[in-house]
Amino acid sequence: MLTFHPIFKIIIYLLTVTVSTFIGIQLSKGLCLENCLLQRIIYVGMSNLIFLVGVILLLQLSEKSISEWHEEE
């Protein structure tokens, strides 16, 4: 099975965490009424979780489809 280089995966994961953290902070700034620290932690945590799960699934599906594509040739 063909896979992406581990350094490539780490770079993608770090970029994903950076962008999703920024989005979570912006959400907490826009929607914060009281107890902003707890809301900021919740928004950043949820956005990181959702983004990382999506990126992990996309990378796994990409590796699988690339492997199947090479098997057909």
C-alpha atoms as a PDB file:
ATOM      1  CA  MET A   1       0.000   0.000   0.000  1.00  0.00           C
ATOM      2  CA  LEU A   2       1.329   3.392  -0.949  1.00  0.00           C
ATOM      3  CA  THR A   3       1.370   6.003   1.803  1.00  0.00           C
ATOM      4  CA  PHE A   4       2.307   9.630   2.134  1.00  0.00           C
ATOM      5  CA  HIS A   5       5.641  10.495   3.721  1.00  0.00           C
ATOM      6  CA  PRO A   6       5.289  10.979   7.510  1.00  0.00           C
ATOM      7  CA  ILE A   7       6.785  14.481   7.351  1.00  0.00           C
ATOM      8  CA  PHE A   8       4.130  15.459   4.787  1.00  0.00           C
ATOM      9  CA  LYS A   9       1.415  14.176   7.130  1.00  0.00           C
ATOM     10  CA  ILE A  10       2.878  16.085  10.091  1.00  0.00           C
ATOM     11  CA  ILE A  11       2.953  19.307   8.050  1.00  0.00           C
ATOM     12  CA  ILE A  12      -0.666  18.818   6.985  1.00  0.00           C
ATOM     13  CA  TYR A  13      -1.740  18.085  10.580  1.00  0.00           C
ATOM     14  CA  LEU A  14       0.107  21.146  11.925  1.00  0.00           C
ATOM     15  CA  LEU A  15      -1.461  23.386   9.282  1.00  0.00           C
ATOM     16  CA  THR A  16      -4.875  21.947  10.117  1.00  0.00           C
ATOM     17  CA  VAL A  17      -4.431  22.561  13.844  1.00  0.00           C
ATOM     18  CA  THR A  18      -3.233  26.110  13.190  1.00  0.00           C
ATOM     19  CA  VAL A  19      -6.164  27.003  10.945  1.00  0.00           C
ATOM     20  CA  SER A  20      -8.767  25.301  13.121  1.00  0.00           C
ATOM     21  CA  THR A  21      -7.385  27.002  16.245  1.00  0.00           C
ATOM     22  CA  PHE A  22      -7.691  30.361  14.492  1.00  0.00           C
ATOM     23  CA  ILE A  23     -11.266  29.556  13.490  1.00  0.00           C
ATOM     24  CA  GLY A  24     -12.107  28.455  17.047  1.00  0.00           C
ATOM     25  CA  ILE A  25     -10.685  31.689  18.478  1.00  0.00           C
ATOM     26  CA  GLN A  26     -12.672  33.762  15.990  1.00  0.00           C
ATOM     27  CA  LEU A  27     -15.843  31.843  16.894  1.00  0.00           C
ATOM     28  CA  SER A  28     -15.279  32.454  20.592  1.00  0.00           C
ATOM     29  CA  LYS A  29     -14.677  36.178  19.980  1.00  0.00           C
ATOM     30  CA  GLY A  30     -17.869  36.475  17.964  1.00  0.00           C
ATOM     31  CA  LEU A  31     -20.114  34.381  20.185  1.00  0.00           C
ATOM     32  CA  CYS A  32     -18.705  35.056  23.669  1.00  0.00           C
ATOM     33  CA  LEU A  33     -21.099  36.530  26.216  1.00  0.00           C
ATOM     34  CA  GLU A  34     -19.823  35.405  29.627  1.00  0.00           C
ATOM     35  CA  ASN A  35     -17.087  33.072  30.837  1.00  0.00           C
ATOM     36  CA  CYS A  36     -15.080  33.545  27.653  1.00  0.00           C
ATOM     37  CA  LEU A  37     -12.192  31.302  28.685  1.00  0.00           C
ATOM     38  CA  LEU A  38     -14.402  28.218  28.899  1.00  0.00           C
ATOM     39  CA  GLN A  39     -16.138  29.045  25.613  1.00  0.00           C
ATOM     40  CA  ARG A  40     -12.783  29.644  23.911  1.00  0.00           C
ATOM     41  CA  ILE A  41     -11.524  26.232  25.066  1.00  0.00           C
ATOM     42  CA  ILE A  42     -14.728  24.562  23.875  1.00  0.00           C
ATOM     43  CA  TYR A  43     -14.732  26.265  20.445  1.00  0.00           C
ATOM     44  CA  VAL A  44     -11.029  25.658  19.827  1.00  0.00           C
ATOM     45  CA  GLY A  45     -11.282  22.049  20.997  1.00  0.00           C
ATOM     46  CA  MET A  46     -14.339  21.266  18.903  1.00  0.00           C
ATOM     47  CA  SER A  47     -12.979  22.913  15.767  1.00  0.00           C
ATOM     48  CA  ASN A  48      -9.646  21.102  16.174  1.00  0.00           C
ATOM     49  CA  LEU A  49     -11.419  17.778  16.668  1.00  0.00           C
ATOM     50  CA  ILE A  50     -13.711  18.202  13.671  1.00  0.00           C
ATOM     51  CA  PHE A  51     -10.985  19.467  11.343  1.00  0.00           C
ATOM     52  CA  LEU A  52      -8.456  16.783  12.352  1.00  0.00           C
ATOM     53  CA  VAL A  53     -10.946  13.939  11.955  1.00  0.00           C
ATOM     54  CA  GLY A  54     -11.842  15.255   8.500  1.00  0.00           C
ATOM     55  CA  VAL A  55      -8.215  15.605   7.408  1.00  0.00           C
ATOM     56  CA  ILE A  56      -7.269  12.166   8.748  1.00  0.00           C
ATOM     57  CA  LEU A  57     -10.158  10.607   6.834  1.00  0.00           C
ATOM     58  CA  LEU A  58      -9.227  12.475   3.650  1.00  0.00           C
ATOM     59  CA  LEU A  59      -5.585  11.389   3.876  1.00  0.00           C
ATOM     60  CA  GLN A  60      -6.566   7.766   4.452  1.00  0.00           C
ATOM     61  CA  LEU A  61      -8.999   7.815   1.536  1.00  0.00           C
ATOM     62  CA  SER A  62      -6.372   9.439  -0.676  1.00  0.00           C
ATOM     63  CA  GLU A  63      -3.812   6.765   0.205  1.00  0.00           C
ATOM     64  CA  LYS A  64      -6.361   4.040  -0.470  1.00  0.00           C
ATOM     65  CA  SER A  65      -7.428   5.454  -3.830  1.00  0.00           C
ATOM     66  CA  ILE A  66      -3.814   5.996  -4.923  1.00  0.00           C
ATOM     67  CA  SER A  67      -2.997   2.402  -3.993  1.00  0.00           C
ATOM     68  CA  GLU A  68      -6.021   1.077  -5.907  1.00  0.00           C
ATOM     69  CA  TRP A  69      -5.136   3.237  -8.891  1.00  0.00           C
ATOM     70  CA  HIS A  70      -1.620   1.796  -8.988  1.00  0.00           C
ATOM     71  CA  GLU A  71      -2.952  -1.761  -8.662  1.00  0.00           C
ATOM     72  CA  GLU A  72      -5.168  -1.291 -11.731  1.00  0.00           C
ATOM     73  CA  GLU A  73      -2.247  -0.237 -13.923  1.00  0.00           C
END
